[in-house]
């Protein structure tokens, strides 16, 4: 059970990052941050 929880955490964390990178407009981050993601 503990190993399964660790795997789910590792999978859920990168997914959150992907959402930020893929759809920065939805989270409305600072313009400088969005420019860094594009470049």
PDB file of N, CA and C in Angstrom:
ATOM      1  N   UNK A   1       0.844  -1.209   0.000  1.00  0.00           N
ATOM      2  CA  UNK A   1       0.000   0.000   0.000  1.00  0.00           C
ATOM      3  C   UNK A   1       0.881   1.263   0.000  1.00  0.00           C
ATOM      4  N   UNK A   2       1.924   1.258   0.824  1.00  0.00           N
ATOM      5  CA  UNK A   2       2.791   2.442   0.890  1.00  0.00           C
ATOM      6  C   UNK A   2       3.473   2.671  -0.454  1.00  0.00           C
ATOM      7  N   UNK A   3       3.936   1.588  -1.074  1.00  0.00           N
ATOM      8  CA  UNK A   3       4.608   1.730  -2.366  1.00  0.00           C
ATOM      9  C   UNK A   3       3.621   2.310  -3.386  1.00  0.00           C
ATOM     10  N   UNK A   4       2.384   1.854  -3.356  1.00  0.00           N
ATOM     11  CA  UNK A   4       1.383   2.349  -4.296  1.00  0.00           C
ATOM     12  C   UNK A   4       1.160   3.850  -4.089  1.00  0.00           C
ATOM     13  N   UNK A   5       1.109   4.279  -2.813  1.00  0.00           N
ATOM     14  CA  UNK A   5       0.916   5.705  -2.526  1.00  0.00           C
ATOM     15  C   UNK A   5       2.072   6.517  -3.086  1.00  0.00           C
ATOM     16  N   UNK A   6       3.289   6.020  -2.924  1.00  0.00           N
ATOM     17  CA  UNK A   6       4.458   6.739  -3.443  1.00  0.00           C
ATOM     18  C   UNK A   6       4.355   6.869  -4.964  1.00  0.00           C
ATOM     19  N   UNK A   7       3.968   5.794  -5.633  1.00  0.00           N
ATOM     20  CA  UNK A   7       3.862   5.841  -7.097  1.00  0.00           C
ATOM     21  C   UNK A   7       2.809   6.863  -7.513  1.00  0.00           C
ATOM     22  N   UNK A   8       1.666   6.864  -6.852  1.00  0.00           N
ATOM     23  CA  UNK A   8       0.608   7.808  -7.218  1.00  0.00           C
ATOM     24  C   UNK A   8       1.094   9.234  -6.986  1.00  0.00           C
ATOM     25  N   UNK A   9       1.847   9.469  -5.932  1.00  0.00           N
ATOM     26  CA  UNK A   9       2.346  10.833  -5.666  1.00  0.00           C
ATOM     27  C   UNK A   9       3.298  11.251  -6.778  1.00  0.00           C
ATOM     28  N   UNK A  10       4.213  10.373  -7.168  1.00  0.00           N
ATOM     29  CA  UNK A  10       5.172  10.717  -8.215  1.00  0.00           C
ATOM     30  C   UNK A  10       4.443  10.994  -9.536  1.00  0.00           C
ATOM     31  N   UNK A  11       3.366  10.257  -9.789  1.00  0.00           N
ATOM     32  CA  UNK A  11       2.628  10.445 -11.046  1.00  0.00           C
ATOM     33  C   UNK A  11       1.803  11.733 -10.982  1.00  0.00           C
ATOM     34  N   UNK A  12       1.202  12.021  -9.823  1.00  0.00           N
ATOM     35  CA  UNK A  12       0.337  13.199  -9.718  1.00  0.00           C
ATOM     36  C   UNK A  12       1.157  14.487  -9.749  1.00  0.00           C
ATOM     37  N   UNK A  13       2.345  14.489  -9.159  1.00  0.00           N
ATOM     38  CA  UNK A  13       3.155  15.719  -9.134  1.00  0.00           C
ATOM     39  C   UNK A  13       3.546  16.172 -10.540  1.00  0.00           C
ATOM     40  N   UNK A  14       4.125  15.322 -11.372  1.00  0.00           N
ATOM     41  CA  UNK A  14       4.488  15.743 -12.728  1.00  0.00           C
ATOM     42  C   UNK A  14       3.264  16.150 -13.545  1.00  0.00           C
ATOM     43  N   UNK A  15       2.128  15.514 -13.302  1.00  0.00           N
ATOM     44  CA  UNK A  15       0.917  15.876 -14.048  1.00  0.00           C
ATOM     45  C   UNK A  15       0.560  17.335 -13.752  1.00  0.00           C
ATOM     46  N   UNK A  16       0.669  17.748 -12.484  1.00  0.00           N
ATOM     47  CA  UNK A  16       0.357  19.136 -12.140  1.00  0.00           C
ATOM     48  C   UNK A  16       1.300  20.074 -12.882  1.00  0.00           C
ATOM     49  N   UNK A  17       2.576  19.718 -12.955  1.00  0.00           N
ATOM     50  CA  UNK A  17       3.553  20.561 -13.655  1.00  0.00           C
ATOM     51  C   UNK A  17       3.200  20.622 -15.143  1.00  0.00           C
ATOM     52  N   UNK A  18       2.809  19.500 -15.716  1.00  0.00           N
ATOM     53  CA  UNK A  18       2.469  19.475 -17.141  1.00  0.00           C
ATOM     54  C   UNK A  18       1.306  20.423 -17.424  1.00  0.00           C
ATOM     55  N   UNK A  19       0.331  20.451 -16.519  1.00  0.00           N
ATOM     56  CA  UNK A  19      -0.825  21.336 -16.719  1.00  0.00           C
ATOM     57  C   UNK A  19      -0.349  22.790 -16.745  1.00  0.00           C
ATOM     58  N   UNK A  20       0.597  23.132 -15.838  1.00  0.00           N
ATOM     59  CA  UNK A  20       1.108  24.509 -15.791  1.00  0.00           C
ATOM     60  C   UNK A  20       1.820  24.838 -17.103  1.00  0.00           C
ATOM     61  N   UNK A  21       2.615  23.889 -17.618  1.00  0.00           N
ATOM     62  CA  UNK A  21       3.386  24.157 -18.837  1.00  0.00           C
ATOM     63  C   UNK A  21       2.475  24.153 -20.070  1.00  0.00           C
ATOM     64  N   UNK A  22       1.547  23.222 -20.107  1.00  0.00           N
ATOM     65  CA  UNK A  22       0.699  23.085 -21.299  1.00  0.00           C
ATOM     66  C   UNK A  22      -0.326  24.224 -21.364  1.00  0.00           C
ATOM     67  N   UNK A  23      -0.937  24.559 -20.236  1.00  0.00           N
ATOM     68  CA  UNK A  23      -1.978  25.594 -20.228  1.00  0.00           C
ATOM     69  C   UNK A  23      -1.664  26.665 -19.185  1.00  0.00           C
ATOM     70  N   UNK A  24      -0.628  27.488 -19.417  1.00  0.00           N
ATOM     71  CA  UNK A  24      -0.288  28.546 -18.465  1.00  0.00           C
ATOM     72  C   UNK A  24      -1.355  29.635 -18.420  1.00  0.00           C
ATOM     73  N   UNK A  25      -2.069  29.818 -19.536  1.00  0.00           N
ATOM     74  CA  UNK A  25      -3.096  30.865 -19.588  1.00  0.00           C
ATOM     75  C   UNK A  25      -4.223  30.576 -18.590  1.00  0.00           C
ATOM     76  N   UNK A  26      -4.552  29.303 -18.395  1.00  0.00           N
ATOM     77  CA  UNK A  26      -5.649  28.958 -17.491  1.00  0.00           C
ATOM     78  C   UNK A  26      -5.292  29.341 -16.054  1.00  0.00           C
ATOM     79  N   UNK A  27      -4.022  29.218 -15.698  1.00  0.00           N
ATOM     80  CA  UNK A  27      -3.595  29.561 -14.334  1.00  0.00           C
ATOM     81  C   UNK A  27      -3.227  31.044 -14.235  1.00  0.00           C
ATOM     82  N   UNK A  28      -3.149  31.734 -15.366  1.00  0.00           N
ATOM     83  CA  UNK A  28      -2.828  33.168 -15.405  1.00  0.00           C
ATOM     84  C   UNK A  28      -1.588  33.495 -14.568  1.00  0.00           C
ATOM     85  N   UNK A  29      -0.410  32.936 -14.945  1.00  0.00           N
ATOM     86  CA  UNK A  29       0.829  33.228 -14.228  1.00  0.00           C
ATOM     87  C   UNK A  29       1.392  34.569 -14.696  1.00  0.00           C
ATOM     88  N   UNK A  30       2.423  35.109 -14.035  1.00  0.00           N
ATOM     89  CA  UNK A  30       3.042  36.372 -14.491  1.00  0.00           C
ATOM     90  C   UNK A  30       3.495  36.260 -15.938  1.00  0.00           C
ATOM     91  N   UNK A  31       3.483  37.378 -16.655  1.00  0.00           N
ATOM     92  CA  UNK A  31       3.866  37.354 -18.078  1.00  0.00           C
ATOM     93  C   UNK A  31       5.289  36.845 -18.229  1.00  0.00           C
ATOM     94  N   UNK A  32       6.166  37.258 -17.317  1.00  0.00           N
ATOM     95  CA  UNK A  32       7.570  36.826 -17.411  1.00  0.00           C
ATOM     96  C   UNK A  32       7.651  35.297 -17.299  1.00  0.00           C
ATOM     97  N   UNK A  33       6.817  34.715 -16.420  1.00  0.00           N
ATOM     98  CA  UNK A  33       6.863  33.260 -16.239  1.00  0.00           C
ATOM     99  C   UNK A  33       6.385  32.564 -17.517  1.00  0.00           C
ATOM    100  N   UNK A  34       5.310  33.062 -18.126  1.00  0.00           N
ATOM    101  CA  UNK A  34       4.785  32.429 -19.343  1.00  0.00           C
ATOM    102  C   UNK A  34       5.804  32.537 -20.469  1.00  0.00           C
ATOM    103  N   UNK A  35       6.508  33.672 -20.560  1.00  0.00           N
ATOM    104  CA  UNK A  35       7.516  33.831 -21.611  1.00  0.00           C
ATOM    105  C   UNK A  35       8.618  32.794 -21.440  1.00  0.00           C
ATOM    106  N   UNK A  36       9.026  32.549 -20.181  1.00  0.00           N
ATOM    107  CA  UNK A  36      10.087  31.561 -19.940  1.00  0.00           C
ATOM    108  C   UNK A  36       9.616  30.187 -20.405  1.00  0.00           C
ATOM    109  N   UNK A  37       8.355  29.862 -20.165  1.00  0.00           N
ATOM    110  CA  UNK A  37       7.847  28.547 -20.563  1.00  0.00           C
ATOM    111  C   UNK A  37       7.856  28.435 -22.089  1.00  0.00           C
ATOM    112  N   UNK A  38       7.477  29.502 -22.781  1.00  0.00           N
ATOM    113  CA  UNK A  38       7.435  29.460 -24.250  1.00  0.00           C
ATOM    114  C   UNK A  38       8.845  29.310 -24.805  1.00  0.00           C
ATOM    115  N   UNK A  39       9.788  30.077 -24.252  1.00  0.00           N
ATOM    116  CA  UNK A  39      11.165  30.048 -24.758  1.00  0.00           C
ATOM    117  C   UNK A  39      11.909  28.878 -24.121  1.00  0.00           C
TER     118      UNK A  39
END
